[in-house]
Amino acid sequence: MADGWNTFLMPEEEYRHKLEVLAGHCKDFGRETGDIRKQLSISMILGETEAEAEDRVKERAATTGIDEDLLRGRLMATTPERFADVLRPVREMGVGDFLMLARPPVDELTMELFAKQVAPALLN
């Protein structure tokens, strides 16, 4: 019935379970699971170091008025290398698109670090 499936970052075992459910639905409708484009929506703040990422969470909380703990619960703040390590398993399970969830103010550094460091690491 669809050509794409969009979900959010979750623990690896939960994602595997959801893939099994998707495979069951595909079988019910005579579809190949491989024909369904898999996308993952992700929220992140990236920094060159863990300390920089943490500082950027604090800055984001101050500029948006969102409580720091609430903000940390909604996104992952880390380095590009660590984030690539987190995403690599779902990439290997067939995720082809990573959709950055972003709200103003624009986080140009995170977008740049994702494009220049995370994305290439996921292609190797």
PDB file of N, CA and C in Angstrom:
ATOM      1  N   MET A   1       0.811  -1.199   0.000  1.00  0.00           N
ATOM      2  CA  MET A   1       0.000   0.000   0.000  1.00  0.00           C
ATOM      3  C   MET A   1       0.853   1.261   0.000  1.00  0.00           C
ATOM      4  N   ALA A   2       2.146   1.130   0.356  1.00  0.00           N
ATOM      5  CA  ALA A   2       3.025   2.296   0.424  1.00  0.00           C
ATOM      6  C   ALA A   2       4.400   1.904  -0.096  1.00  0.00           C
ATOM      7  N   ASP A   3       5.183   2.924  -0.410  1.00  0.00           N
ATOM      8  CA  ASP A   3       6.540   2.681  -0.892  1.00  0.00           C
ATOM      9  C   ASP A   3       7.595   3.093   0.112  1.00  0.00           C
ATOM     10  N   GLY A   4       7.169   3.691   1.237  1.00  0.00           N
ATOM     11  CA  GLY A   4       8.132   4.134   2.239  1.00  0.00           C
ATOM     12  C   GLY A   4       7.598   3.920   3.637  1.00  0.00           C
ATOM     13  N   TRP A   5       8.533   3.796   4.579  1.00  0.00           N
ATOM     14  CA  TRP A   5       8.204   3.607   5.985  1.00  0.00           C
ATOM     15  C   TRP A   5       9.116   4.512   6.792  1.00  0.00           C
ATOM     16  N   ASN A   6       8.486   5.364   7.576  1.00  0.00           N
ATOM     17  CA  ASN A   6       9.212   6.361   8.347  1.00  0.00           C
ATOM     18  C   ASN A   6       9.001   6.083   9.825  1.00  0.00           C
ATOM     19  N   THR A   7      10.096   6.008  10.575  1.00  0.00           N
ATOM     20  CA  THR A   7      10.013   5.805  12.012  1.00  0.00           C
ATOM     21  C   THR A   7      11.090   6.642  12.696  1.00  0.00           C
ATOM     22  N   PHE A   8      11.213   6.486  14.008  1.00  0.00           N
ATOM     23  CA  PHE A   8      12.143   7.285  14.799  1.00  0.00           C
ATOM     24  C   PHE A   8      13.252   6.407  15.362  1.00  0.00           C
ATOM     25  N   LEU A   9      14.333   7.036  15.775  1.00  0.00           N
ATOM     26  CA  LEU A   9      15.441   6.321  16.394  1.00  0.00           C
ATOM     27  C   LEU A   9      14.953   5.629  17.657  1.00  0.00           C
ATOM     28  N   MET A  10      15.339   4.371  17.794  1.00  0.00           N
ATOM     29  CA  MET A  10      14.904   3.554  18.938  1.00  0.00           C
ATOM     30  C   MET A  10      15.978   2.505  19.186  1.00  0.00           C
ATOM     31  N   PRO A  11      15.881   1.781  20.289  1.00  0.00           N
ATOM     32  CA  PRO A  11      16.847   0.698  20.532  1.00  0.00           C
ATOM     33  C   PRO A  11      16.842  -0.317  19.390  1.00  0.00           C
ATOM     34  N   GLU A  12      18.001  -0.896  19.132  1.00  0.00           N
ATOM     35  CA  GLU A  12      18.184  -1.803  18.007  1.00  0.00           C
ATOM     36  C   GLU A  12      17.205  -2.973  18.025  1.00  0.00           C
ATOM     37  N   GLU A  13      16.991  -3.597  19.180  1.00  0.00           N
ATOM     38  CA  GLU A  13      16.068  -4.737  19.252  1.00  0.00           C
ATOM     39  C   GLU A  13      14.632  -4.322  18.926  1.00  0.00           C
ATOM     40  N   GLU A  14      14.234  -3.144  19.371  1.00  0.00           N
ATOM     41  CA  GLU A  14      12.888  -2.647  19.055  1.00  0.00           C
ATOM     42  C   GLU A  14      12.748  -2.409  17.555  1.00  0.00           C
ATOM     43  N   TYR A  15      13.805  -1.865  16.945  1.00  0.00           N
ATOM     44  CA  TYR A  15      13.771  -1.625  15.508  1.00  0.00           C
ATOM     45  C   TYR A  15      13.683  -2.963  14.749  1.00  0.00           C
ATOM     46  N   ARG A  16      14.446  -3.951  15.199  1.00  0.00           N
ATOM     47  CA  ARG A  16      14.372  -5.274  14.555  1.00  0.00           C
ATOM     48  C   ARG A  16      12.945  -5.835  14.630  1.00  0.00           C
ATOM     49  N   HIS A  17      12.314  -5.673  15.781  1.00  0.00           N
ATOM     50  CA  HIS A  17      10.929  -6.137  15.933  1.00  0.00           C
ATOM     51  C   HIS A  17      10.004  -5.419  14.946  1.00  0.00           C
ATOM     52  N   LYS A  18      10.173  -4.122  14.818  1.00  0.00           N
ATOM     53  CA  LYS A  18       9.322  -3.363  13.894  1.00  0.00           C
ATOM     54  C   LYS A  18       9.552  -3.815  12.451  1.00  0.00           C
ATOM     55  N   LEU A  19      10.787  -4.153  12.114  1.00  0.00           N
ATOM     56  CA  LEU A  19      11.062  -4.685  10.774  1.00  0.00           C
ATOM     57  C   LEU A  19      10.334  -6.014  10.552  1.00  0.00           C
ATOM     58  N   GLU A  20      10.284  -6.841  11.598  1.00  0.00           N
ATOM     59  CA  GLU A  20       9.550  -8.109  11.493  1.00  0.00           C
ATOM     60  C   GLU A  20       8.059  -7.858  11.266  1.00  0.00           C
ATOM     61  N   VAL A  21       7.504  -6.876  11.966  1.00  0.00           N
ATOM     62  CA  VAL A  21       6.096  -6.524  11.781  1.00  0.00           C
ATOM     63  C   VAL A  21       5.874  -6.025  10.356  1.00  0.00           C
ATOM     64  N   LEU A  22       6.776  -5.166   9.885  1.00  0.00           N
ATOM     65  CA  LEU A  22       6.679  -4.659   8.512  1.00  0.00           C
ATOM     66  C   LEU A  22       6.732  -5.814   7.516  1.00  0.00           C
ATOM     67  N   ALA A  23       7.632  -6.764   7.737  1.00  0.00           N
ATOM     68  CA  ALA A  23       7.741  -7.923   6.846  1.00  0.00           C
ATOM     69  C   ALA A  23       6.433  -8.718   6.829  1.00  0.00           C
ATOM     70  N   GLY A  24       5.803  -8.846   7.988  1.00  0.00           N
ATOM     71  CA  GLY A  24       4.516  -9.541   8.045  1.00  0.00           C
ATOM     72  C   GLY A  24       3.440  -8.831   7.246  1.00  0.00           C
ATOM     73  N   HIS A  25       3.395  -7.511   7.365  1.00  0.00           N
ATOM     74  CA  HIS A  25       2.409  -6.746   6.587  1.00  0.00           C
ATOM     75  C   HIS A  25       2.696  -6.863   5.094  1.00  0.00           C
ATOM     76  N   CYS A  26       3.971  -6.815   4.741  1.00  0.00           N
ATOM     77  CA  CYS A  26       4.325  -6.947   3.320  1.00  0.00           C
ATOM     78  C   CYS A  26       3.874  -8.308   2.790  1.00  0.00           C
ATOM     79  N   LYS A  27       4.124  -9.354   3.570  1.00  0.00           N
ATOM     80  CA  LYS A  27       3.712 -10.701   3.154  1.00  0.00           C
ATOM     81  C   LYS A  27       2.202 -10.768   2.963  1.00  0.00           C
ATOM     82  N   ASP A  28       1.455 -10.147   3.889  1.00  0.00           N
ATOM     83  CA  ASP A  28      -0.014 -10.147   3.794  1.00  0.00           C
ATOM     84  C   ASP A  28      -0.506  -9.534   2.492  1.00  0.00           C
ATOM     85  N   PHE A  29       0.257  -8.574   1.962  1.00  0.00           N
ATOM     86  CA  PHE A  29      -0.165  -7.870   0.749  1.00  0.00           C
ATOM     87  C   PHE A  29       0.643  -8.256  -0.482  1.00  0.00           C
ATOM     88  N   GLY A  30       1.446  -9.314  -0.361  1.00  0.00           N
ATOM     89  CA  GLY A  30       2.210  -9.777  -1.516  1.00  0.00           C
ATOM     90  C   GLY A  30       3.309  -8.824  -1.939  1.00  0.00           C
ATOM     91  N   ARG A  31       3.888  -8.128  -0.977  1.00  0.00           N
ATOM     92  CA  ARG A  31       4.957  -7.170  -1.279  1.00  0.00           C
ATOM     93  C   ARG A  31       6.291  -7.699  -0.780  1.00  0.00           C
ATOM     94  N   GLU A  32       7.354  -7.267  -1.402  1.00  0.00           N
ATOM     95  CA  GLU A  32       8.709  -7.571  -0.939  1.00  0.00           C
ATOM     96  C   GLU A  32       9.129  -6.478   0.043  1.00  0.00           C
ATOM     97  N   THR A  33       9.623  -6.876   1.198  1.00  0.00           N
ATOM     98  CA  THR A  33      10.062  -5.895   2.199  1.00  0.00           C
ATOM     99  C   THR A  33      11.126  -4.971   1.623  1.00  0.00           C
ATOM    100  N   GLY A  34      11.981  -5.494   0.772  1.00  0.00           N
ATOM    101  CA  GLY A  34      13.041  -4.691   0.162  1.00  0.00           C
ATOM    102  C   GLY A  34      12.533  -3.588  -0.748  1.00  0.00           C
ATOM    103  N   ASP A  35      11.272  -3.681  -1.162  1.00  0.00           N
ATOM    104  CA  ASP A  35      10.686  -2.637  -2.011  1.00  0.00           C
ATOM    105  C   ASP A  35      10.241  -1.420  -1.206  1.00  0.00           C
ATOM    106  N   ILE A  36      10.224  -1.532   0.125  1.00  0.00           N
ATOM    107  CA  ILE A  36       9.787  -0.434   0.982  1.00  0.00           C
ATOM    108  C   ILE A  36      11.002   0.387   1.393  1.00  0.00           C
ATOM    109  N   ARG A  37      10.999   1.654   1.030  1.00  0.00           N
ATOM    110  CA  ARG A  37      12.091   2.559   1.402  1.00  0.00           C
ATOM    111  C   ARG A  37      11.976   2.887   2.887  1.00  0.00           C
ATOM    112  N   LYS A  38      13.060   2.669   3.617  1.00  0.00           N
ATOM    113  CA  LYS A  38      13.045   2.863   5.069  1.00  0.00           C
ATOM    114  C   LYS A  38      13.740   4.168   5.435  1.00  0.00           C
ATOM    115  N   GLN A  39      13.010   4.990   6.205  1.00  0.00           N
ATOM    116  CA  GLN A  39      13.545   6.274   6.652  1.00  0.00           C
ATOM    117  C   GLN A  39      13.550   6.308   8.174  1.00  0.00           C
ATOM    118  N   LEU A  40      14.513   7.040   8.730  1.00  0.00           N
ATOM    119  CA  LEU A  40      14.605   7.187  10.176  1.00  0.00           C
ATOM    120  C   LEU A  40      14.681   8.669  10.506  1.00  0.00           C
ATOM    121  N   SER A  41      13.739   9.144  11.309  1.00  0.00           N
ATOM    122  CA  SER A  41      13.737  10.536  11.760  1.00  0.00           C
ATOM    123  C   SER A  41      14.572  10.633  13.028  1.00  0.00           C
ATOM    124  N   ILE A  42      15.453  11.625  13.061  1.00  0.00           N
ATOM    125  CA  ILE A  42      16.380  11.750  14.181  1.00  0.00           C
ATOM    126  C   ILE A  42      16.522  13.203  14.610  1.00  0.00           C
ATOM    127  N   SER A  43      16.637  13.392  15.917  1.00  0.00           N
ATOM    128  CA  SER A  43      16.914  14.710  16.484  1.00  0.00           C
ATOM    129  C   SER A  43      18.278  14.642  17.141  1.00  0.00           C
ATOM    130  N   MET A  44      19.120  15.624  16.873  1.00  0.00           N
ATOM    131  CA  MET A  44      20.474  15.593  17.399  1.00  0.00           C
ATOM    132  C   MET A  44      21.054  16.974  17.551  1.00  0.00           C
ATOM    133  N   ILE A  45      22.043  17.066  18.401  1.00  0.00           N
ATOM    134  CA  ILE A  45      22.937  18.210  18.473  1.00  0.00           C
ATOM    135  C   ILE A  45      24.328  17.614  18.434  1.00  0.00           C
ATOM    136  N   LEU A  46      25.107  17.998  17.452  1.00  0.00           N
ATOM    137  CA  LEU A  46      26.455  17.469  17.318  1.00  0.00           C
ATOM    138  C   LEU A  46      27.481  18.525  17.695  1.00  0.00           C
ATOM    139  N   GLY A  47      28.592  18.053  18.230  1.00  0.00           N
ATOM    140  CA  GLY A  47      29.737  18.904  18.540  1.00  0.00           C
ATOM    141  C   GLY A  47      31.002  18.139  18.235  1.00  0.00           C
ATOM    142  N   GLU A  48      32.111  18.843  18.064  1.00  0.00           N
ATOM    143  CA  GLU A  48      33.382  18.177  17.782  1.00  0.00           C
ATOM    144  C   GLU A  48      33.809  17.293  18.945  1.00  0.00           C
ATOM    145  N   THR A  49      33.399  17.654  20.167  1.00  0.00           N
ATOM    146  CA  THR A  49      33.684  16.857  21.363  1.00  0.00           C
ATOM    147  C   THR A  49      32.383  16.661  22.138  1.00  0.00           C
ATOM    148  N   GLU A  50      32.394  15.712  23.065  1.00  0.00           N
ATOM    149  CA  GLU A  50      31.217  15.506  23.916  1.00  0.00           C
ATOM    150  C   GLU A  50      30.925  16.764  24.737  1.00  0.00           C
ATOM    151  N   ALA A  51      31.998  17.416  25.224  1.00  0.00           N
ATOM    152  CA  ALA A  51      31.825  18.640  26.020  1.00  0.00           C
ATOM    153  C   ALA A  51      31.187  19.746  25.188  1.00  0.00           C
ATOM    154  N   GLU A  52      31.609  19.872  23.941  1.00  0.00           N
ATOM    155  CA  GLU A  52      31.009  20.888  23.064  1.00  0.00           C
ATOM    156  C   GLU A  52      29.534  20.573  22.808  1.00  0.00           C
ATOM    157  N   ALA A  53      29.222  19.316  22.588  1.00  0.00           N
ATOM    158  CA  ALA A  53      27.816  18.928  22.366  1.00  0.00           C
ATOM    159  C   ALA A  53      26.983  19.271  23.597  1.00  0.00           C
ATOM    160  N   GLU A  54      27.517  19.006  24.784  1.00  0.00           N
ATOM    161  CA  GLU A  54      26.796  19.320  26.019  1.00  0.00           C
ATOM    162  C   GLU A  54      26.603  20.828  26.170  1.00  0.00           C
ATOM    163  N   ASP A  55      27.631  21.601  25.862  1.00  0.00           N
ATOM    164  CA  ASP A  55      27.511  23.062  25.913  1.00  0.00           C
ATOM    165  C   ASP A  55      26.446  23.549  24.935  1.00  0.00           C
ATOM    166  N   ARG A  56      26.374  22.914  23.789  1.00  0.00           N
ATOM    167  CA  ARG A  56      25.402  23.313  22.780  1.00  0.00           C
ATOM    168  C   ARG A  56      23.976  22.983  23.222  1.00  0.00           C
ATOM    169  N   VAL A  57      23.789  21.912  23.998  1.00  0.00           N
ATOM    170  CA  VAL A  57      22.470  21.605  24.557  1.00  0.00           C
ATOM    171  C   VAL A  57      22.060  22.729  25.503  1.00  0.00           C
ATOM    172  N   LYS A  58      22.988  23.152  26.344  1.00  0.00           N
ATOM    173  CA  LYS A  58      22.700  24.228  27.295  1.00  0.00           C
ATOM    174  C   LYS A  58      22.349  25.525  26.559  1.00  0.00           C
ATOM    175  N   GLU A  59      23.089  25.826  25.498  1.00  0.00           N
ATOM    176  CA  GLU A  59      22.792  27.026  24.696  1.00  0.00           C
ATOM    177  C   GLU A  59      21.412  26.921  24.060  1.00  0.00           C
ATOM    178  N   ARG A  60      21.102  25.755  23.518  1.00  0.00           N
ATOM    179  CA  ARG A  60      19.802  25.536  22.865  1.00  0.00           C
ATOM    180  C   ARG A  60      18.667  25.699  23.880  1.00  0.00           C
ATOM    181  N   ALA A  61      18.859  25.151  25.064  1.00  0.00           N
ATOM    182  CA  ALA A  61      17.845  25.277  26.106  1.00  0.00           C
ATOM    183  C   ALA A  61      17.649  26.745  26.469  1.00  0.00           C
ATOM    184  N   ALA A  62      18.724  27.476  26.577  1.00  0.00           N
ATOM    185  CA  ALA A  62      18.629  28.893  26.946  1.00  0.00           C
ATOM    186  C   ALA A  62      17.946  29.719  25.861  1.00  0.00           C
ATOM    187  N   THR A  63      18.235  29.423  24.590  1.00  0.00           N
ATOM    188  CA  THR A  63      17.649  30.220  23.505  1.00  0.00           C
ATOM    189  C   THR A  63      16.209  29.841  23.196  1.00  0.00           C
ATOM    190  N   THR A  64      15.822  28.602  23.524  1.00  0.00           N
ATOM    191  CA  THR A  64      14.452  28.170  23.209  1.00  0.00           C
ATOM    192  C   THR A  64      13.530  28.187  24.424  1.00  0.00           C
ATOM    193  N   GLY A  65      14.112  28.248  25.612  1.00  0.00           N
ATOM    194  CA  GLY A  65      13.307  28.209  26.824  1.00  0.00           C
ATOM    195  C   GLY A  65      12.842  26.804  27.193  1.00  0.00           C
ATOM    196  N   ILE A  66      13.392  25.793  26.524  1.00  0.00           N
ATOM    197  CA  ILE A  66      13.050  24.403  26.826  1.00  0.00           C
ATOM    198  C   ILE A  66      13.972  23.917  27.941  1.00  0.00           C
ATOM    199  N   ASP A  67      13.403  23.239  28.922  1.00  0.00           N
ATOM    200  CA  ASP A  67      14.178  22.680  30.020  1.00  0.00           C
ATOM    201  C   ASP A  67      15.266  21.755  29.468  1.00  0.00           C
ATOM    202  N   GLU A  68      16.487  21.862  30.025  1.00  0.00           N
ATOM    203  CA  GLU A  68      17.612  21.052  29.533  1.00  0.00           C
ATOM    204  C   GLU A  68      17.322  19.558  29.587  1.00  0.00           C
ATOM    205  N   ASP A  69      16.755  19.089  30.687  1.00  0.00           N
ATOM    206  CA  ASP A  69      16.474  17.656  30.802  1.00  0.00           C
ATOM    207  C   ASP A  69      15.435  17.205  29.785  1.00  0.00           C
ATOM    208  N   LEU A  70      14.438  18.021  29.561  1.00  0.00           N
ATOM    209  CA  LEU A  70      13.429  17.705  28.556  1.00  0.00           C
ATOM    210  C   LEU A  70      14.074  17.658  27.173  1.00  0.00           C
ATOM    211  N   LEU A  71      14.933  18.618  26.905  1.00  0.00           N
ATOM    212  CA  LEU A  71      15.629  18.668  25.618  1.00  0.00           C
ATOM    213  C   LEU A  71      16.489  17.426  25.418  1.00  0.00           C
ATOM    214  N   ARG A  72      17.218  17.028  26.444  1.00  0.00           N
ATOM    215  CA  ARG A  72      18.056  15.819  26.346  1.00  0.00           C
ATOM    216  C   ARG A  72      17.204  14.577  26.088  1.00  0.00           C
ATOM    217  N   GLY A  73      15.992  14.559  26.597  1.00  0.00           N
ATOM    218  CA  GLY A  73      15.104  13.424  26.357  1.00  0.00           C
ATOM    219  C   GLY A  73      14.567  13.363  24.939  1.00  0.00           C
ATOM    220  N   ARG A  74      14.641  14.478  24.240  1.00  0.00           N
ATOM    221  CA  ARG A  74      14.105  14.556  22.872  1.00  0.00           C
ATOM    222  C   ARG A  74      15.157  14.361  21.797  1.00  0.00           C
ATOM    223  N   LEU A  75      16.421  14.456  22.144  1.00  0.00           N
ATOM    224  CA  LEU A  75      17.466  14.387  21.130  1.00  0.00           C
ATOM    225  C   LEU A  75      18.702  13.714  21.675  1.00  0.00           C
ATOM    226  N   MET A  76      19.634  13.447  20.784  1.00  0.00           N
ATOM    227  CA  MET A  76      20.915  12.895  21.175  1.00  0.00           C
ATOM    228  C   MET A  76      21.966  13.968  20.946  1.00  0.00           C
ATOM    229  N   ALA A  77      22.757  14.236  21.966  1.00  0.00           N
ATOM    230  CA  ALA A  77      23.851  15.198  21.864  1.00  0.00           C
ATOM    231  C   ALA A  77      25.156  14.445  21.984  1.00  0.00           C
ATOM    232  N   THR A  78      25.965  14.500  20.941  1.00  0.00           N
ATOM    233  CA  THR A  78      27.194  13.712  20.925  1.00  0.00           C
ATOM    234  C   THR A  78      28.106  14.186  19.804  1.00  0.00           C
ATOM    235  N   THR A  79      29.158  13.425  19.541  1.00  0.00           N
ATOM    236  CA  THR A  79      30.092  13.738  18.454  1.00  0.00           C
ATOM    237  C   THR A  79      29.622  13.052  17.167  1.00  0.00           C
ATOM    238  N   PRO A  80      30.098  13.522  16.021  1.00  0.00           N
ATOM    239  CA  PRO A  80      29.748  12.853  14.764  1.00  0.00           C
ATOM    240  C   PRO A  80      30.157  11.376  14.752  1.00  0.00           C
ATOM    241  N   GLU A  81      31.331  11.066  15.289  1.00  0.00           N
ATOM    242  CA  GLU A  81      31.801   9.684  15.283  1.00  0.00           C
ATOM    243  C   GLU A  81      30.868   8.786  16.091  1.00  0.00           C
ATOM    244  N   ARG A  82      30.505   9.239  17.269  1.00  0.00           N
ATOM    245  CA  ARG A  82      29.619   8.451  18.143  1.00  0.00           C
ATOM    246  C   ARG A  82      28.241   8.315  17.507  1.00  0.00           C
ATOM    247  N   PHE A  83      27.746   9.389  16.879  1.00  0.00           N
ATOM    248  CA  PHE A  83      26.431   9.329  16.255  1.00  0.00           C
ATOM    249  C   PHE A  83      26.431   8.362  15.075  1.00  0.00           C
ATOM    250  N   ALA A  84      27.508   8.348  14.306  1.00  0.00           N
ATOM    251  CA  ALA A  84      27.615   7.384  13.202  1.00  0.00           C
ATOM    252  C   ALA A  84      27.585   5.962  13.747  1.00  0.00           C
ATOM    253  N   ASP A  85      28.241   5.726  14.897  1.00  0.00           N
ATOM    254  CA  ASP A  85      28.223   4.397  15.514  1.00  0.00           C
ATOM    255  C   ASP A  85      26.811   3.996  15.924  1.00  0.00           C
ATOM    256  N   VAL A  86      26.021   4.961  16.393  1.00  0.00           N
ATOM    257  CA  VAL A  86      24.633   4.693  16.794  1.00  0.00           C
ATOM    258  C   VAL A  86      23.764   4.371  15.574  1.00  0.00           C
ATOM    259  N   LEU A  87      24.004   5.081  14.483  1.00  0.00           N
ATOM    260  CA  LEU A  87      23.169   4.898  13.287  1.00  0.00           C
ATOM    261  C   LEU A  87      23.590   3.725  12.413  1.00  0.00           C
ATOM    262  N   ARG A  88      24.829   3.307  12.520  1.00  0.00           N
ATOM    263  CA  ARG A  88      25.338   2.253  11.640  1.00  0.00           C
ATOM    264  C   ARG A  88      24.491   0.968  11.684  1.00  0.00           C
ATOM    265  N   PRO A  89      24.075   0.476  12.858  1.00  0.00           N
ATOM    266  CA  PRO A  89      23.264  -0.756  12.860  1.00  0.00           C
ATOM    267  C   PRO A  89      21.952  -0.634  12.078  1.00  0.00           C
ATOM    268  N   VAL A  90      21.268   0.498  12.195  1.00  0.00           N
ATOM    269  CA  VAL A  90      20.007   0.630  11.445  1.00  0.00           C
ATOM    270  C   VAL A  90      20.279   0.820   9.960  1.00  0.00           C
ATOM    271  N   ARG A  91      21.399   1.432   9.643  1.00  0.00           N
ATOM    272  CA  ARG A  91      21.801   1.544   8.236  1.00  0.00           C
ATOM    273  C   ARG A  91      22.000   0.144   7.658  1.00  0.00           C
ATOM    274  N   GLU A  92      22.667  -0.713   8.451  1.00  0.00           N
ATOM    275  CA  GLU A  92      22.912  -2.087   8.009  1.00  0.00           C
ATOM    276  C   GLU A  92      21.622  -2.902   7.921  1.00  0.00           C
ATOM    277  N   MET A  93      20.582  -2.466   8.634  1.00  0.00           N
ATOM    278  CA  MET A  93      19.277  -3.139   8.570  1.00  0.00           C
ATOM    279  C   MET A  93      18.393  -2.557   7.469  1.00  0.00           C
ATOM    280  N   GLY A  94      18.932  -1.676   6.645  1.00  0.00           N
ATOM    281  CA  GLY A  94      18.193  -1.226   5.476  1.00  0.00           C
ATOM    282  C   GLY A  94      17.712   0.210   5.458  1.00  0.00           C
ATOM    283  N   VAL A  95      17.997   0.991   6.502  1.00  0.00           N
ATOM    284  CA  VAL A  95      17.583   2.398   6.461  1.00  0.00           C
ATOM    285  C   VAL A  95      18.386   3.098   5.368  1.00  0.00           C
ATOM    286  N   GLY A  96      17.676   3.737   4.463  1.00  0.00           N
ATOM    287  CA  GLY A  96      18.324   4.438   3.361  1.00  0.00           C
ATOM    288  C   GLY A  96      18.303   5.945   3.498  1.00  0.00           C
ATOM    289  N   ASP A  97      17.390   6.456   4.328  1.00  0.00           N
ATOM    290  CA  ASP A  97      17.248   7.903   4.484  1.00  0.00           C
ATOM    291  C   ASP A  97      17.236   8.260   5.964  1.00  0.00           C
ATOM    292  N   PHE A  98      18.015   9.258   6.305  1.00  0.00           N
ATOM    293  CA  PHE A  98      18.013   9.795   7.662  1.00  0.00           C
ATOM    294  C   PHE A  98      17.447  11.209   7.585  1.00  0.00           C
ATOM    295  N   LEU A  99      16.335  11.420   8.265  1.00  0.00           N
ATOM    296  CA  LEU A  99      15.631  12.696   8.222  1.00  0.00           C
ATOM    297  C   LEU A  99      15.930  13.470   9.497  1.00  0.00           C
ATOM    298  N   MET A 100      16.624  14.588   9.360  1.00  0.00           N
ATOM    299  CA  MET A 100      16.965  15.402  10.517  1.00  0.00           C
ATOM    300  C   MET A 100      15.759  16.217  10.938  1.00  0.00           C
ATOM    301  N   LEU A 101      15.318  15.994  12.166  1.00  0.00           N
ATOM    302  CA  LEU A 101      14.249  16.808  12.721  1.00  0.00           C
ATOM    303  C   LEU A 101      14.885  18.085  13.243  1.00  0.00           C
ATOM    304  N   ALA A 102      14.476  19.202  12.721  1.00  0.00           N
ATOM    305  CA  ALA A 102      15.092  20.468  13.112  1.00  0.00           C
ATOM    306  C   ALA A 102      14.018  21.534  13.266  1.00  0.00           C
ATOM    307  N   ARG A 103      14.153  22.273  14.333  1.00  0.00           N
ATOM    308  CA  ARG A 103      13.259  23.402  14.572  1.00  0.00           C
ATOM    309  C   ARG A 103      14.116  24.647  14.730  1.00  0.00           C
ATOM    310  N   PRO A 104      13.561  25.804  14.432  1.00  0.00           N
ATOM    311  CA  PRO A 104      14.328  27.032  14.617  1.00  0.00           C
ATOM    312  C   PRO A 104      14.746  27.193  16.074  1.00  0.00           C
ATOM    313  N   PRO A 105      15.850  27.823  16.340  1.00  0.00           N
ATOM    314  CA  PRO A 105      16.790  28.394  15.372  1.00  0.00           C
ATOM    315  C   PRO A 105      17.601  27.299  14.672  1.00  0.00           C
ATOM    316  N   VAL A 106      17.980  27.560  13.441  1.00  0.00           N
ATOM    317  CA  VAL A 106      18.704  26.595  12.624  1.00  0.00           C
ATOM    318  C   VAL A 106      20.037  26.257  13.289  1.00  0.00           C
ATOM    319  N   ASP A 107      20.339  24.982  13.347  1.00  0.00           N
ATOM    320  CA  ASP A 107      21.589  24.504  13.929  1.00  0.00           C
ATOM    321  C   ASP A 107      22.532  24.142  12.782  1.00  0.00           C
ATOM    322  N   GLU A 108      23.177  25.157  12.257  1.00  0.00           N
ATOM    323  CA  GLU A 108      24.036  24.960  11.087  1.00  0.00           C
ATOM    324  C   GLU A 108      25.225  24.055  11.380  1.00  0.00           C
ATOM    325  N   LEU A 109      25.789  24.148  12.588  1.00  0.00           N
ATOM    326  CA  LEU A 109      26.932  23.299  12.915  1.00  0.00           C
ATOM    327  C   LEU A 109      26.542  21.825  12.890  1.00  0.00           C
ATOM    328  N   THR A 110      25.413  21.480  13.482  1.00  0.00           N
ATOM    329  CA  THR A 110      24.973  20.086  13.459  1.00  0.00           C
ATOM    330  C   THR A 110      24.746  19.618  12.026  1.00  0.00           C
ATOM    331  N   MET A 111      24.106  20.429  11.213  1.00  0.00           N
ATOM    332  CA  MET A 111      23.870  20.047   9.814  1.00  0.00           C
ATOM    333  C   MET A 111      25.192  19.842   9.086  1.00  0.00           C
ATOM    334  N   GLU A 112      26.142  20.731   9.318  1.00  0.00           N
ATOM    335  CA  GLU A 112      27.452  20.626   8.658  1.00  0.00           C
ATOM    336  C   GLU A 112      28.192  19.365   9.116  1.00  0.00           C
ATOM    337  N   LEU A 113      28.226  19.123  10.430  1.00  0.00           N
ATOM    338  CA  LEU A 113      28.919  17.941  10.939  1.00  0.00           C
ATOM    339  C   LEU A 113      28.258  16.656  10.454  1.00  0.00           C
ATOM    340  N   PHE A 114      26.931  16.645  10.383  1.00  0.00           N
ATOM    341  CA  PHE A 114      26.234  15.460   9.878  1.00  0.00           C
ATOM    342  C   PHE A 114      26.604  15.220   8.418  1.00  0.00           C
ATOM    343  N   ALA A 115      26.551  16.273   7.610  1.00  0.00           N
ATOM    344  CA  ALA A 115      26.823  16.135   6.176  1.00  0.00           C
ATOM    345  C   ALA A 115      28.276  15.758   5.893  1.00  0.00           C
ATOM    346  N   LYS A 116      29.196  16.342   6.632  1.00  0.00           N
ATOM    347  CA  LYS A 116      30.614  16.124   6.343  1.00  0.00           C
ATOM    348  C   LYS A 116      31.229  14.921   7.037  1.00  0.00           C
ATOM    349  N   GLN A 117      30.650  14.503   8.173  1.00  0.00           N
ATOM    350  CA  GLN A 117      31.284  13.416   8.917  1.00  0.00           C
ATOM    351  C   GLN A 117      30.395  12.195   9.135  1.00  0.00           C
ATOM    352  N   VAL A 118      29.135  12.419   9.504  1.00  0.00           N
ATOM    353  CA  VAL A 118      28.267  11.272   9.794  1.00  0.00           C
ATOM    354  C   VAL A 118      27.848  10.577   8.502  1.00  0.00           C
ATOM    355  N   ALA A 119      27.303  11.310   7.551  1.00  0.00           N
ATOM    356  CA  ALA A 119      26.804  10.700   6.312  1.00  0.00           C
ATOM    357  C   ALA A 119      27.890   9.898   5.591  1.00  0.00           C
ATOM    358  N   PRO A 120      29.090  10.459   5.385  1.00  0.00           N
ATOM    359  CA  PRO A 120      30.135   9.645   4.713  1.00  0.00           C
ATOM    360  C   PRO A 120      30.501   8.391   5.502  1.00  0.00           C
ATOM    361  N   ALA A 121      30.477   8.474   6.834  1.00  0.00           N
ATOM    362  CA  ALA A 121      30.803   7.289   7.651  1.00  0.00           C
ATOM    363  C   ALA A 121      29.769   6.193   7.472  1.00  0.00           C
ATOM    364  N   LEU A 122      28.539   6.556   7.159  1.00  0.00           N
ATOM    365  CA  LEU A 122      27.480   5.570   6.975  1.00  0.00           C
ATOM    366  C   LEU A 122      27.495   4.940   5.591  1.00  0.00           C
ATOM    367  N   LEU A 123      28.218   5.543   4.685  1.00  0.00           N
ATOM    368  CA  LEU A 123      28.286   5.014   3.324  1.00  0.00           C
ATOM    369  C   LEU A 123      29.393   3.982   3.178  1.00  0.00           C
ATOM    370  N   ASN A 124      30.292   3.935   4.126  1.00  0.00           N
ATOM    371  CA  ASN A 124      31.426   2.991   4.046  1.00  0.00           C
ATOM    372  C   ASN A 124      31.080   1.649   4.629  1.00  0.00           C
TER     373      ASN A 124
END
